[in-house]
Amino acid sequence: MSRHSGKKSRMAALCQMTGTGLLLALVLACLPLTVPRVFGYQIYTVISGSMEPAIPVGSLLYIQKMEPEEVAEGEVVAYYGTSESGAIITHRVLENRVVMGELITKGDANEKEDLRPVPYGNVIGEVTWSLPGAGRIAERMTSREGKVLAGGIVVLAVLLQVLGGWLGKKL
């Protein structure tokens, strides 16, 4: 084996390991945004401070659908502010008025309860888990620029794999 073939062999292995590492990192970064959806969770990013400090701005929330009648006092729910606006609000339940079909809610950082009760029809589900700061990362990953970057990583990883295979055959 010549001295050059050893360098090519190491270079081939390095290219293939780097390509594999890039793909693995991309898959791992996407798992928190994809796998929970398979199990019925909806994922949202917190954009206001009404639930601080329990749920900081920029948190990634995992929402599980549940029957509004079963929501207990103290649980945190996500709901549509109004059926027209589509704005999603995440607040703590102070009272569940089952007979009236509505929840009384309040943001932890707010002084008073919300002005309007939340009709059962507006409830999305219960907040089962939050990851502080991960919402900002998720927003970047799902933006146009993030998708272009992910595509570029895939292309680079494939090119490194091909280059590594080519260098390995040239020995």
N, C-alpha and C. Protein backbone atom coordinates (compact mmCIF):
# COMPACT_ATOMS: atom_id res chain seq x y z
N MET A 1 0.85 -1.18 0.00
CA MET A 1 0.00 0.00 0.00
C MET A 1 0.90 1.24 0.00
N SER A 2 0.63 2.13 -0.92
CA SER A 2 1.45 3.34 -1.01
C SER A 2 1.01 4.35 0.04
N ARG A 3 1.86 5.34 0.22
CA ARG A 3 1.57 6.39 1.20
C ARG A 3 0.31 7.17 0.80
N HIS A 4 0.11 7.37 -0.50
CA HIS A 4 -1.06 8.12 -0.98
C HIS A 4 -2.35 7.35 -0.76
N SER A 5 -2.31 6.03 -0.90
CA SER A 5 -3.53 5.25 -0.74
C SER A 5 -4.02 5.29 0.71
N GLY A 6 -3.12 5.38 1.66
CA GLY A 6 -3.51 5.52 3.07
C GLY A 6 -4.21 6.83 3.33
N LYS A 7 -3.70 7.91 2.70
CA LYS A 7 -4.33 9.23 2.85
C LYS A 7 -5.72 9.22 2.20
N LYS A 8 -5.80 8.58 1.01
CA LYS A 8 -7.09 8.51 0.31
C LYS A 8 -8.09 7.70 1.13
N SER A 9 -7.60 6.62 1.74
CA SER A 9 -8.46 5.78 2.56
C SER A 9 -9.01 6.57 3.75
N ARG A 10 -8.14 7.30 4.40
CA ARG A 10 -8.58 8.12 5.54
C ARG A 10 -9.54 9.23 5.08
N MET A 11 -9.22 9.82 3.92
CA MET A 11 -10.07 10.88 3.39
C MET A 11 -11.44 10.32 3.01
N ALA A 12 -11.48 9.14 2.41
CA ALA A 12 -12.74 8.50 2.05
C ALA A 12 -13.58 8.24 3.30
N ALA A 13 -12.96 7.70 4.32
CA ALA A 13 -13.67 7.42 5.58
C ALA A 13 -14.16 8.71 6.22
N LEU A 14 -13.33 9.75 6.20
CA LEU A 14 -13.71 11.04 6.79
C LEU A 14 -14.91 11.64 6.06
N CYS A 15 -14.89 11.59 4.72
CA CYS A 15 -16.02 12.12 3.94
C CYS A 15 -17.30 11.37 4.27
N GLN A 16 -17.24 10.05 4.30
CA GLN A 16 -18.44 9.27 4.57
C GLN A 16 -18.93 9.46 6.01
N MET A 17 -18.01 9.54 6.96
CA MET A 17 -18.42 9.76 8.36
C MET A 17 -19.04 11.14 8.52
N THR A 18 -18.48 12.15 7.87
CA THR A 18 -19.03 13.51 7.96
C THR A 18 -20.41 13.57 7.32
N GLY A 19 -20.57 12.94 6.16
CA GLY A 19 -21.88 12.90 5.50
C GLY A 19 -22.92 12.22 6.37
N THR A 20 -22.55 11.09 6.94
CA THR A 20 -23.46 10.36 7.82
C THR A 20 -23.78 11.19 9.06
N GLY A 21 -22.77 11.83 9.62
CA GLY A 21 -22.97 12.67 10.81
C GLY A 21 -23.92 13.83 10.54
N LEU A 22 -23.78 14.46 9.39
CA LEU A 22 -24.67 15.57 9.03
C LEU A 22 -26.12 15.09 8.91
N LEU A 23 -26.32 13.96 8.23
CA LEU A 23 -27.68 13.42 8.10
C LEU A 23 -28.26 13.04 9.45
N LEU A 24 -27.45 12.42 10.28
CA LEU A 24 -27.91 12.02 11.61
C LEU A 24 -28.29 13.23 12.46
N ALA A 25 -27.47 14.28 12.41
CA ALA A 25 -27.77 15.50 13.16
C ALA A 25 -29.07 16.14 12.69
N LEU A 26 -29.29 16.13 11.38
CA LEU A 26 -30.52 16.71 10.83
C LEU A 26 -31.74 15.91 11.27
N VAL A 27 -31.64 14.59 11.22
CA VAL A 27 -32.75 13.73 11.66
C VAL A 27 -33.03 13.95 13.14
N LEU A 28 -32.00 13.99 13.95
CA LEU A 28 -32.18 14.19 15.40
C LEU A 28 -32.81 15.56 15.69
N ALA A 29 -32.43 16.59 14.93
CA ALA A 29 -33.00 17.92 15.13
C ALA A 29 -34.48 17.95 14.76
N CYS A 30 -34.89 17.12 13.82
CA CYS A 30 -36.29 17.10 13.37
C CYS A 30 -37.20 16.22 14.23
N LEU A 31 -36.63 15.31 14.99
CA LEU A 31 -37.44 14.37 15.79
C LEU A 31 -38.43 15.07 16.73
N PRO A 32 -38.00 16.09 17.50
CA PRO A 32 -38.97 16.72 18.42
C PRO A 32 -40.14 17.41 17.71
N LEU A 33 -39.98 17.67 16.41
CA LEU A 33 -41.04 18.34 15.66
C LEU A 33 -41.92 17.37 14.89
N THR A 34 -41.49 16.13 14.77
CA THR A 34 -42.23 15.18 13.94
C THR A 34 -42.83 14.02 14.72
N VAL A 35 -42.03 13.36 15.53
CA VAL A 35 -42.49 12.16 16.23
C VAL A 35 -43.72 12.43 17.11
N PRO A 36 -43.75 13.50 17.90
CA PRO A 36 -44.95 13.73 18.73
C PRO A 36 -46.24 13.85 17.91
N ARG A 37 -46.16 14.36 16.71
CA ARG A 37 -47.35 14.49 15.86
C ARG A 37 -47.93 13.12 15.52
N VAL A 38 -47.06 12.13 15.36
CA VAL A 38 -47.52 10.77 15.08
C VAL A 38 -48.40 10.26 16.22
N PHE A 39 -48.11 10.70 17.44
CA PHE A 39 -48.86 10.26 18.61
C PHE A 39 -50.00 11.21 18.98
N GLY A 40 -50.36 12.11 18.05
CA GLY A 40 -51.54 12.96 18.22
C GLY A 40 -51.29 14.30 18.90
N TYR A 41 -50.05 14.67 19.13
CA TYR A 41 -49.77 15.96 19.75
C TYR A 41 -49.73 17.05 18.70
N GLN A 42 -50.18 18.24 19.10
CA GLN A 42 -49.98 19.43 18.29
C GLN A 42 -48.85 20.21 18.95
N ILE A 43 -48.10 20.93 18.14
CA ILE A 43 -46.92 21.63 18.65
C ILE A 43 -47.05 23.11 18.33
N TYR A 44 -46.82 23.94 19.35
CA TYR A 44 -46.90 25.39 19.19
C TYR A 44 -45.73 26.06 19.89
N THR A 45 -45.42 27.28 19.46
CA THR A 45 -44.39 28.09 20.08
C THR A 45 -45.04 29.22 20.86
N VAL A 46 -44.58 29.47 22.06
CA VAL A 46 -45.11 30.54 22.91
C VAL A 46 -44.53 31.87 22.44
N ILE A 47 -45.41 32.85 22.16
CA ILE A 47 -44.95 34.15 21.67
C ILE A 47 -45.24 35.31 22.63
N SER A 48 -45.94 35.03 23.74
CA SER A 48 -46.19 36.11 24.71
C SER A 48 -45.81 35.63 26.11
N GLY A 49 -45.66 36.57 26.99
CA GLY A 49 -45.20 36.25 28.35
C GLY A 49 -46.30 36.04 29.36
N SER A 50 -47.52 35.78 28.93
CA SER A 50 -48.64 35.68 29.87
C SER A 50 -48.54 34.48 30.81
N MET A 51 -47.73 33.48 30.49
CA MET A 51 -47.60 32.30 31.35
C MET A 51 -46.23 32.22 32.04
N GLU A 52 -45.47 33.30 31.98
CA GLU A 52 -44.16 33.29 32.65
C GLU A 52 -44.35 33.38 34.15
N PRO A 53 -43.49 32.79 34.94
CA PRO A 53 -42.25 32.11 34.59
C PRO A 53 -42.43 30.63 34.27
N ALA A 54 -43.63 30.06 34.50
CA ALA A 54 -43.84 28.62 34.29
C ALA A 54 -43.56 28.21 32.85
N ILE A 55 -44.02 29.02 31.90
CA ILE A 55 -43.80 28.73 30.48
C ILE A 55 -43.27 30.01 29.82
N PRO A 56 -41.94 30.10 29.66
CA PRO A 56 -41.34 31.32 29.10
C PRO A 56 -41.61 31.50 27.61
N VAL A 57 -41.50 32.75 27.16
CA VAL A 57 -41.59 33.07 25.74
C VAL A 57 -40.52 32.25 25.02
N GLY A 58 -40.88 31.71 23.86
CA GLY A 58 -39.95 30.91 23.07
C GLY A 58 -39.98 29.43 23.38
N SER A 59 -40.86 29.03 24.31
CA SER A 59 -40.98 27.61 24.64
C SER A 59 -41.73 26.88 23.52
N LEU A 60 -41.41 25.61 23.38
CA LEU A 60 -42.14 24.74 22.46
C LEU A 60 -43.13 23.95 23.31
N LEU A 61 -44.42 24.02 22.95
CA LEU A 61 -45.46 23.35 23.71
C LEU A 61 -45.99 22.13 22.97
N TYR A 62 -46.21 21.07 23.72
CA TYR A 62 -46.82 19.86 23.19
C TYR A 62 -48.22 19.78 23.77
N ILE A 63 -49.21 19.82 22.88
CA ILE A 63 -50.63 19.87 23.27
C ILE A 63 -51.29 18.55 22.91
N GLN A 64 -51.95 17.94 23.90
CA GLN A 64 -52.66 16.69 23.66
C GLN A 64 -54.16 16.97 23.73
N LYS A 65 -54.86 16.49 22.72
CA LYS A 65 -56.32 16.68 22.68
C LYS A 65 -56.95 15.97 23.86
N MET A 66 -57.94 16.62 24.44
CA MET A 66 -58.69 16.02 25.54
C MET A 66 -60.08 16.62 25.56
N GLU A 67 -60.97 15.95 26.23
CA GLU A 67 -62.34 16.44 26.34
C GLU A 67 -62.36 17.60 27.34
N PRO A 68 -62.90 18.76 26.95
CA PRO A 68 -62.90 19.92 27.85
C PRO A 68 -63.60 19.65 29.19
N GLU A 69 -64.59 18.76 29.19
CA GLU A 69 -65.29 18.45 30.43
C GLU A 69 -64.35 17.84 31.48
N GLU A 70 -63.25 17.23 31.02
CA GLU A 70 -62.32 16.54 31.90
C GLU A 70 -61.19 17.42 32.41
N VAL A 71 -61.12 18.67 31.95
CA VAL A 71 -60.05 19.57 32.36
C VAL A 71 -60.24 19.95 33.83
N ALA A 72 -59.17 19.80 34.60
CA ALA A 72 -59.24 20.13 36.03
C ALA A 72 -58.67 21.51 36.30
N GLU A 73 -59.10 22.09 37.40
CA GLU A 73 -58.56 23.37 37.83
C GLU A 73 -57.05 23.26 37.99
N GLY A 74 -56.33 24.26 37.49
CA GLY A 74 -54.87 24.28 37.61
C GLY A 74 -54.15 23.76 36.38
N GLU A 75 -54.85 23.02 35.50
CA GLU A 75 -54.21 22.53 34.28
C GLU A 75 -54.07 23.68 33.29
N VAL A 76 -53.08 23.55 32.41
CA VAL A 76 -52.84 24.57 31.39
C VAL A 76 -53.38 24.03 30.07
N VAL A 77 -54.19 24.86 29.41
CA VAL A 77 -54.80 24.46 28.15
C VAL A 77 -54.46 25.45 27.04
N ALA A 78 -54.52 24.95 25.82
CA ALA A 78 -54.39 25.81 24.64
C ALA A 78 -55.76 25.90 24.01
N TYR A 79 -56.11 27.09 23.54
CA TYR A 79 -57.42 27.31 22.93
C TYR A 79 -57.36 28.45 21.95
N TYR A 80 -58.37 28.47 21.06
CA TYR A 80 -58.49 29.58 20.12
C TYR A 80 -59.12 30.75 20.85
N GLY A 81 -58.49 31.93 20.75
CA GLY A 81 -59.01 33.13 21.40
C GLY A 81 -60.42 33.43 20.93
N THR A 82 -60.60 33.45 19.63
CA THR A 82 -61.93 33.55 19.02
C THR A 82 -61.92 32.64 17.80
N SER A 83 -63.07 32.19 17.41
CA SER A 83 -63.11 31.29 16.26
C SER A 83 -62.73 32.02 14.97
N GLU A 84 -62.88 33.34 14.95
CA GLU A 84 -62.56 34.12 13.76
C GLU A 84 -61.06 34.40 13.64
N SER A 85 -60.40 34.72 14.74
CA SER A 85 -59.01 35.18 14.68
C SER A 85 -58.02 34.05 14.45
N GLY A 86 -58.29 32.90 15.01
CA GLY A 86 -57.35 31.79 14.89
C GLY A 86 -56.16 31.91 15.82
N ALA A 87 -56.10 32.98 16.64
CA ALA A 87 -55.01 33.14 17.59
C ALA A 87 -55.10 32.05 18.66
N ILE A 88 -53.97 31.45 18.99
CA ILE A 88 -53.95 30.39 19.99
C ILE A 88 -53.39 30.96 21.30
N ILE A 89 -54.13 30.71 22.36
CA ILE A 89 -53.76 31.21 23.69
C ILE A 89 -53.52 30.01 24.60
N THR A 90 -52.55 30.15 25.47
CA THR A 90 -52.25 29.10 26.44
C THR A 90 -52.34 29.71 27.83
N HIS A 91 -53.35 29.29 28.60
CA HIS A 91 -53.55 29.82 29.95
C HIS A 91 -53.96 28.69 30.91
N ARG A 92 -53.88 29.01 32.18
CA ARG A 92 -54.24 28.05 33.24
C ARG A 92 -55.74 28.12 33.53
N VAL A 93 -56.33 26.98 33.78
CA VAL A 93 -57.76 26.90 34.07
C VAL A 93 -57.99 27.21 35.55
N LEU A 94 -58.85 28.20 35.81
CA LEU A 94 -59.24 28.53 37.18
C LEU A 94 -60.51 27.78 37.58
N GLU A 95 -61.38 27.59 36.57
CA GLU A 95 -62.66 26.93 36.86
C GLU A 95 -63.18 26.28 35.58
N ASN A 96 -63.76 25.10 35.73
CA ASN A 96 -64.39 24.42 34.60
C ASN A 96 -65.89 24.41 34.86
N ARG A 97 -66.61 25.20 34.08
CA ARG A 97 -68.07 25.29 34.21
C ARG A 97 -68.71 24.30 33.24
N VAL A 98 -68.80 23.07 33.68
CA VAL A 98 -69.27 21.98 32.82
C VAL A 98 -70.70 22.24 32.34
N VAL A 99 -71.56 22.70 33.22
CA VAL A 99 -72.96 22.92 32.85
C VAL A 99 -73.06 23.98 31.74
N MET A 100 -72.22 25.00 31.81
CA MET A 100 -72.25 26.07 30.82
C MET A 100 -71.35 25.77 29.62
N GLY A 101 -70.51 24.73 29.73
CA GLY A 101 -69.63 24.36 28.63
C GLY A 101 -68.54 25.37 28.37
N GLU A 102 -67.92 25.86 29.46
CA GLU A 102 -66.88 26.87 29.30
C GLU A 102 -65.85 26.77 30.42
N LEU A 103 -64.66 27.32 30.13
CA LEU A 103 -63.57 27.37 31.09
C LEU A 103 -63.29 28.82 31.46
N ILE A 104 -62.95 29.03 32.73
CA ILE A 104 -62.48 30.33 33.17
C ILE A 104 -60.95 30.19 33.27
N THR A 105 -60.23 31.07 32.57
CA THR A 105 -58.77 30.94 32.48
C THR A 105 -58.07 32.22 32.88
N LYS A 106 -56.76 32.07 33.10
CA LYS A 106 -55.93 33.22 33.46
C LYS A 106 -54.49 32.90 33.13
N GLY A 107 -53.79 33.86 32.58
CA GLY A 107 -52.35 33.71 32.38
C GLY A 107 -51.65 33.89 33.72
N ASP A 108 -50.66 33.08 34.02
CA ASP A 108 -49.96 33.16 35.31
C ASP A 108 -49.40 34.55 35.58
N ALA A 109 -48.94 35.24 34.54
CA ALA A 109 -48.33 36.56 34.71
C ALA A 109 -49.37 37.68 34.70
N ASN A 110 -50.61 37.36 34.41
CA ASN A 110 -51.67 38.37 34.38
C ASN A 110 -52.26 38.56 35.77
N GLU A 111 -52.69 39.78 36.07
CA GLU A 111 -53.26 40.07 37.38
C GLU A 111 -54.67 39.52 37.54
N LYS A 112 -55.45 39.56 36.47
CA LYS A 112 -56.84 39.16 36.56
C LYS A 112 -57.13 38.01 35.60
N GLU A 113 -58.25 37.33 35.86
CA GLU A 113 -58.68 36.26 34.95
C GLU A 113 -59.04 36.86 33.60
N ASP A 114 -59.06 36.02 32.59
CA ASP A 114 -59.39 36.47 31.24
C ASP A 114 -60.81 37.02 31.21
N LEU A 115 -61.02 38.04 30.38
CA LEU A 115 -62.32 38.71 30.31
C LEU A 115 -63.44 37.78 29.86
N ARG A 116 -63.14 36.92 28.89
CA ARG A 116 -64.18 36.05 28.34
C ARG A 116 -63.92 34.59 28.72
N PRO A 117 -64.98 33.90 29.12
CA PRO A 117 -64.83 32.45 29.33
C PRO A 117 -64.51 31.78 27.99
N VAL A 118 -63.84 30.65 28.06
CA VAL A 118 -63.46 29.91 26.85
C VAL A 118 -64.51 28.83 26.58
N PRO A 119 -65.25 28.96 25.47
CA PRO A 119 -66.23 27.92 25.14
C PRO A 119 -65.52 26.60 24.85
N TYR A 120 -66.13 25.51 25.23
CA TYR A 120 -65.53 24.19 24.99
C TYR A 120 -65.11 24.00 23.53
N GLY A 121 -65.87 24.55 22.61
CA GLY A 121 -65.56 24.40 21.19
C GLY A 121 -64.25 25.03 20.77
N ASN A 122 -63.71 25.95 21.58
CA ASN A 122 -62.45 26.62 21.26
C ASN A 122 -61.24 25.90 21.84
N VAL A 123 -61.46 24.92 22.70
CA VAL A 123 -60.35 24.24 23.37
C VAL A 123 -59.64 23.29 22.41
N ILE A 124 -58.33 23.44 22.32
CA ILE A 124 -57.50 22.56 21.47
C ILE A 124 -57.06 21.35 22.28
N GLY A 125 -56.59 21.60 23.51
CA GLY A 125 -56.15 20.50 24.35
C GLY A 125 -55.32 20.98 25.53
N GLU A 126 -54.77 20.01 26.23
CA GLU A 126 -53.98 20.27 27.44
C GLU A 126 -52.50 20.34 27.09
N VAL A 127 -51.81 21.28 27.72
CA VAL A 127 -50.36 21.37 27.58
C VAL A 127 -49.77 20.25 28.43
N THR A 128 -49.13 19.29 27.77
CA THR A 128 -48.58 18.15 28.50
C THR A 128 -47.08 18.29 28.73
N TRP A 129 -46.43 19.13 27.92
CA TRP A 129 -44.99 19.27 28.04
C TRP A 129 -44.54 20.56 27.39
N SER A 130 -43.53 21.21 27.95
CA SER A 130 -42.96 22.39 27.31
C SER A 130 -41.45 22.32 27.37
N LEU A 131 -40.83 22.80 26.30
CA LEU A 131 -39.36 22.86 26.22
C LEU A 131 -38.96 24.32 26.08
N PRO A 132 -38.47 24.94 27.17
CA PRO A 132 -38.07 26.35 27.08
C PRO A 132 -36.99 26.56 26.02
N GLY A 133 -37.19 27.60 25.20
CA GLY A 133 -36.22 27.97 24.17
C GLY A 133 -36.33 27.18 22.88
N ALA A 134 -36.91 26.00 22.92
CA ALA A 134 -36.96 25.14 21.73
C ALA A 134 -37.91 25.68 20.67
N GLY A 135 -38.85 26.52 21.06
CA GLY A 135 -39.78 27.09 20.09
C GLY A 135 -39.07 28.01 19.11
N ARG A 136 -38.10 28.76 19.59
CA ARG A 136 -37.33 29.64 18.70
C ARG A 136 -36.54 28.82 17.68
N ILE A 137 -35.97 27.72 18.15
CA ILE A 137 -35.22 26.83 17.25
C ILE A 137 -36.17 26.22 16.22
N ALA A 138 -37.34 25.78 16.68
CA ALA A 138 -38.32 25.18 15.77
C ALA A 138 -38.78 26.18 14.72
N GLU A 139 -38.99 27.43 15.11
CA GLU A 139 -39.40 28.46 14.15
C GLU A 139 -38.33 28.67 13.09
N ARG A 140 -37.07 28.68 13.51
CA ARG A 140 -35.98 28.85 12.54
C ARG A 140 -35.90 27.65 11.60
N MET A 141 -36.07 26.45 12.16
CA MET A 141 -35.97 25.24 11.34
C MET A 141 -37.11 25.13 10.33
N THR A 142 -38.29 25.62 10.69
CA THR A 142 -39.44 25.50 9.80
C THR A 142 -39.64 26.73 8.91
N SER A 143 -38.78 27.73 9.06
CA SER A 143 -38.85 28.90 8.19
C SER A 143 -38.33 28.53 6.79
N ARG A 144 -38.53 29.39 5.85
CA ARG A 144 -38.03 29.14 4.49
C ARG A 144 -36.52 28.94 4.51
N GLU A 145 -35.83 29.81 5.23
CA GLU A 145 -34.37 29.71 5.31
C GLU A 145 -33.94 28.40 5.95
N GLY A 146 -34.67 27.98 6.97
CA GLY A 146 -34.35 26.73 7.65
C GLY A 146 -34.54 25.52 6.74
N LYS A 147 -35.59 25.56 5.94
CA LYS A 147 -35.83 24.46 5.00
C LYS A 147 -34.76 24.43 3.91
N VAL A 148 -34.35 25.61 3.44
CA VAL A 148 -33.28 25.68 2.44
C VAL A 148 -31.98 25.13 3.04
N LEU A 149 -31.71 25.52 4.28
CA LEU A 149 -30.50 25.02 4.96
C LEU A 149 -30.55 23.50 5.12
N ALA A 150 -31.69 22.98 5.52
CA ALA A 150 -31.83 21.52 5.67
C ALA A 150 -31.61 20.82 4.33
N GLY A 151 -32.18 21.38 3.27
CA GLY A 151 -31.96 20.81 1.94
C GLY A 151 -30.49 20.85 1.55
N GLY A 152 -29.83 21.96 1.88
CA GLY A 152 -28.40 22.08 1.59
C GLY A 152 -27.58 21.05 2.37
N ILE A 153 -27.98 20.79 3.61
CA ILE A 153 -27.28 19.79 4.42
C ILE A 153 -27.44 18.40 3.80
N VAL A 154 -28.64 18.09 3.33
CA VAL A 154 -28.87 16.79 2.69
C VAL A 154 -28.00 16.66 1.44
N VAL A 155 -27.99 17.70 0.60
CA VAL A 155 -27.18 17.66 -0.62
C VAL A 155 -25.71 17.50 -0.28
N LEU A 156 -25.22 18.28 0.69
CA LEU A 156 -23.81 18.18 1.10
C LEU A 156 -23.49 16.78 1.63
N ALA A 157 -24.38 16.23 2.43
CA ALA A 157 -24.15 14.89 2.99
C ALA A 157 -24.09 13.84 1.88
N VAL A 158 -24.99 13.94 0.90
CA VAL A 158 -24.97 12.99 -0.22
C VAL A 158 -23.68 13.15 -1.02
N LEU A 159 -23.28 14.39 -1.29
CA LEU A 159 -22.04 14.62 -2.02
C LEU A 159 -20.83 14.05 -1.27
N LEU A 160 -20.81 14.22 0.03
CA LEU A 160 -19.70 13.66 0.83
C LEU A 160 -19.70 12.13 0.77
N GLN A 161 -20.89 11.53 0.80
CA GLN A 161 -20.98 10.07 0.69
C GLN A 161 -20.46 9.60 -0.67
N VAL A 162 -20.87 10.28 -1.74
CA VAL A 162 -20.43 9.92 -3.09
C VAL A 162 -18.93 10.10 -3.22
N LEU A 163 -18.42 11.23 -2.74
CA LEU A 163 -16.98 11.49 -2.78
C LEU A 163 -16.21 10.43 -2.00
N GLY A 164 -16.69 10.09 -0.83
CA GLY A 164 -16.05 9.05 -0.03
C GLY A 164 -16.03 7.71 -0.74
N GLY A 165 -17.13 7.37 -1.39
CA GLY A 165 -17.19 6.11 -2.15
C GLY A 165 -16.24 6.13 -3.34
N TRP A 166 -16.17 7.27 -4.00
CA TRP A 166 -15.28 7.40 -5.17
C TRP A 166 -13.82 7.29 -4.72
N LEU A 167 -13.48 8.00 -3.63
CA LEU A 167 -12.10 7.93 -3.12
C LEU A 167 -11.75 6.51 -2.67
N GLY A 168 -12.71 5.83 -2.09
CA GLY A 168 -12.48 4.44 -1.64
C GLY A 168 -12.21 3.49 -2.79
N LYS A 169 -12.84 3.74 -3.93
CA LYS A 169 -12.64 2.87 -5.10
C LYS A 169 -11.34 3.20 -5.84
N LYS A 170 -10.82 4.39 -5.66
CA LYS A 170 -9.62 4.82 -6.36
C LYS A 170 -8.34 4.24 -5.75
N LEU A 171 -8.48 3.50 -4.65
CA LEU A 171 -7.29 2.96 -3.98
C LEU A 171 -6.62 1.91 -4.78
